Protein backbone atom coordinates (compact mmCIF):
# COMPACT_ATOMS: atom_id res chain seq x y z
CA UNK A 1 93.14 -22.94 -100.04
CA UNK A 2 93.98 -19.33 -99.08
CA UNK A 3 91.52 -15.85 -99.09
CA UNK A 4 92.38 -12.74 -101.68
CA UNK A 5 92.13 -9.86 -99.29
CA UNK A 6 88.86 -7.99 -99.40
CA UNK A 7 90.27 -4.72 -99.81
CA UNK A 8 93.32 -5.18 -102.48
CA UNK A 9 93.46 -1.81 -102.67
CA UNK A 10 95.36 -1.72 -99.72
CA UNK A 11 98.14 -4.87 -99.87
CA UNK A 12 101.07 -4.53 -99.73
CA UNK A 13 103.44 -6.25 -102.15
CA UNK A 14 105.55 -9.54 -100.98
CA UNK A 15 108.69 -8.04 -100.44
CA UNK A 16 107.27 -4.84 -98.55
CA UNK A 17 104.44 -7.37 -96.41
CA UNK A 18 108.70 -9.60 -96.53
CA UNK A 19 110.63 -6.20 -95.36
CA UNK A 20 108.30 -5.71 -92.03
CA UNK A 21 108.63 -9.36 -91.62
CA UNK A 22 112.17 -9.22 -91.34
CA UNK A 23 112.50 -6.36 -89.65
CA UNK A 24 110.64 -6.71 -86.18
CA UNK A 25 111.25 -10.12 -83.84
CA UNK A 26 107.79 -10.25 -81.66
CA UNK A 27 104.65 -11.38 -83.26
CA UNK A 28 101.38 -12.87 -82.53
CA UNK A 29 102.06 -17.23 -82.92
CA UNK A 30 98.38 -18.43 -83.55
CA UNK A 31 97.67 -22.49 -82.44
CA UNK A 32 95.31 -24.91 -82.54
CA UNK A 33 94.29 -24.71 -78.95
CA UNK A 34 92.92 -28.14 -76.66
CA UNK A 35 89.61 -28.59 -76.99
CA UNK A 36 88.69 -26.62 -80.30
CA UNK A 37 89.66 -23.24 -78.83
CA UNK A 38 92.51 -20.98 -80.74
CA UNK A 39 95.98 -20.00 -78.74
CA UNK A 40 97.16 -16.79 -79.69
CA UNK A 41 100.51 -16.17 -77.84
CA UNK A 42 103.52 -12.97 -78.50
CA UNK A 43 106.40 -14.95 -78.95
CA UNK A 44 109.65 -13.59 -80.34
CA UNK A 45 111.32 -15.01 -83.53
CA UNK A 46 113.26 -14.57 -86.39
CA UNK A 47 113.00 -14.44 -89.61
CA UNK A 48 115.83 -16.70 -91.14
CA UNK A 49 116.61 -17.79 -95.75
CA UNK A 50 112.65 -17.31 -95.96
CA UNK A 51 111.64 -19.26 -91.96
CA UNK A 52 110.60 -17.56 -88.83
CA UNK A 53 111.99 -19.20 -86.22
CA UNK A 54 111.35 -19.16 -82.52
CA UNK A 55 112.33 -20.94 -79.59
CA UNK A 56 109.97 -22.17 -76.65
CA UNK A 57 110.41 -25.12 -73.75
CA UNK A 58 110.62 -28.49 -75.24
CA UNK A 59 106.51 -29.24 -72.52
CA UNK A 60 103.84 -26.54 -72.84
CA UNK A 61 101.11 -26.04 -74.43
CA UNK A 62 102.93 -24.89 -77.56
CA UNK A 63 104.77 -27.62 -78.31
CA UNK A 64 101.16 -30.04 -77.86
CA UNK A 65 99.38 -27.61 -80.33
CA UNK A 66 102.02 -28.28 -83.18
CA UNK A 67 102.28 -31.63 -81.99
CA UNK A 68 98.62 -32.05 -82.61
CA UNK A 69 98.32 -29.41 -86.23
CA UNK A 70 101.30 -28.63 -87.80
CA UNK A 71 99.19 -25.35 -89.21
CA UNK A 72 100.48 -22.35 -87.92
CA UNK A 73 99.03 -17.71 -88.18
CA UNK A 74 101.14 -15.39 -87.10
CA UNK A 75 100.09 -11.41 -87.25
CA UNK A 76 103.63 -9.35 -86.94
CA UNK A 77 101.85 -5.18 -86.43
CA UNK A 78 104.33 -2.82 -88.16
CA UNK A 79 102.36 0.89 -86.59
CA UNK A 80 99.39 1.40 -84.94
CA UNK A 81 98.97 5.08 -84.76
CA UNK A 82 95.35 6.07 -83.91
CA UNK A 83 93.98 8.87 -85.29
CA UNK A 84 90.54 10.31 -82.79
CA UNK A 85 89.37 13.13 -85.06
CA UNK A 86 89.16 10.63 -87.77
CA UNK A 87 87.82 7.67 -85.68
CA UNK A 88 90.94 5.75 -87.65
CA UNK A 89 93.77 4.35 -86.91
CA UNK A 90 96.94 4.04 -89.25
CA UNK A 91 98.39 1.42 -89.16
CA UNK A 92 100.80 -1.31 -91.25
CA UNK A 93 101.09 -5.68 -90.25
CA UNK A 94 101.54 -8.06 -91.88
CA UNK A 95 99.70 -11.91 -92.06
CA UNK A 96 102.00 -15.52 -92.29
CA UNK A 97 100.10 -18.91 -92.96
CA UNK A 98 102.70 -21.71 -92.29
CA UNK A 99 103.81 -24.92 -90.98
CA UNK A 100 105.07 -24.71 -88.22
CA UNK A 101 108.17 -28.17 -87.43
CA UNK A 102 109.33 -29.25 -84.15
CA UNK A 103 113.29 -29.97 -84.92
CA UNK A 104 114.18 -32.18 -82.91
CA UNK A 105 118.51 -32.37 -83.68
CA UNK A 106 120.78 -30.67 -81.37
CA UNK A 107 123.43 -28.55 -83.32
CA UNK A 108 120.67 -27.65 -85.72
CA UNK A 109 118.51 -25.74 -82.72
CA UNK A 110 122.05 -24.74 -81.28
CA UNK A 111 123.44 -22.99 -84.16
CA UNK A 112 119.49 -21.78 -84.63
CA UNK A 113 119.34 -20.60 -81.36
CA UNK A 114 123.42 -18.31 -81.83
CA UNK A 115 121.96 -17.44 -84.80
CA UNK A 116 118.28 -15.97 -83.70
CA UNK A 117 120.10 -14.12 -80.67
CA UNK A 118 121.94 -13.01 -83.26
CA UNK A 119 119.69 -11.69 -85.45
CA UNK A 120 116.89 -10.46 -82.30
CA UNK A 121 120.21 -8.86 -79.36
CA UNK A 122 122.43 -7.42 -82.60
CA UNK A 123 125.40 -5.66 -79.17
CA UNK A 124 125.85 -8.62 -77.15
CA UNK A 125 129.50 -10.47 -78.18
CA UNK A 126 129.58 -13.88 -80.19
CA UNK A 127 130.54 -15.13 -76.81
CA UNK A 128 127.70 -14.08 -74.71
CA UNK A 129 125.31 -15.57 -77.47
CA UNK A 130 127.26 -18.92 -77.16
CA UNK A 131 127.38 -18.74 -74.16
CA UNK A 132 123.69 -18.60 -73.29
CA UNK A 133 123.08 -21.07 -75.98
CA UNK A 134 124.57 -23.95 -74.17
CA UNK A 135 123.76 -22.77 -70.58
CA UNK A 136 119.72 -23.61 -71.96
CA UNK A 137 119.70 -26.25 -74.84
CA UNK A 138 119.24 -28.80 -72.85
CA UNK A 139 116.06 -27.67 -72.50
CA UNK A 140 114.88 -25.45 -75.17
CA UNK A 141 112.59 -26.73 -78.45
CA UNK A 142 113.43 -24.65 -81.21
CA UNK A 143 110.07 -24.60 -84.54
CA UNK A 144 110.90 -23.44 -87.56
CA UNK A 145 107.88 -22.35 -89.77
CA UNK A 146 107.67 -22.71 -93.27
CA UNK A 147 105.29 -20.27 -94.68
CA UNK A 148 102.26 -21.27 -97.07
CA UNK A 149 101.12 -17.78 -97.89
CA UNK A 150 101.98 -14.17 -95.78
CA UNK A 151 99.70 -10.70 -96.77
CA UNK A 152 100.42 -7.35 -95.20
CA UNK A 153 97.73 -4.57 -95.52
CA UNK A 154 98.07 -1.23 -94.41
CA UNK A 155 95.01 1.52 -93.96
CA UNK A 156 93.38 3.51 -95.36
CA UNK A 157 95.47 6.25 -93.92
CA UNK A 158 98.89 4.83 -95.17
CA UNK A 159 97.33 3.52 -98.52
CA UNK A 160 96.58 7.44 -99.40
CA UNK A 161 99.74 9.01 -98.35
CA UNK A 162 100.82 6.85 -101.50
CA UNK A 163 98.95 8.86 -103.30
């Protein structure tokens, strides 16, 4: 169902790929958009218990696209450094293919908003987080992405450093 990576020697282990997902909070989300056009946009996310969550407005392009096609893809760039003298870049990245589900239960949305905010804004107090979640709960949608396939890759510069 999913293609194998062509440059397998540069493939990250599943634990390395998961660590990149865990340690970041911004990615690019790709959806099947209107009229067959891909729709790709940056989002903030949280990785909680093996799933990826993001919030958004209850109406709009993202929600419409997910309702129309649950299959999504995310890309996360861990590192990207241009090495001009070698005409290359030193990078690590992860791609996640998964299925998105719009969460309907208000209590679940609230709990995930709180958890997501704790993950992303670690220095905020519990009270501030709860207050902020309460302020926007009625207009917030929460989306859960269940990964189906995850691959990570490093550029040749990182691969060579491994020896």
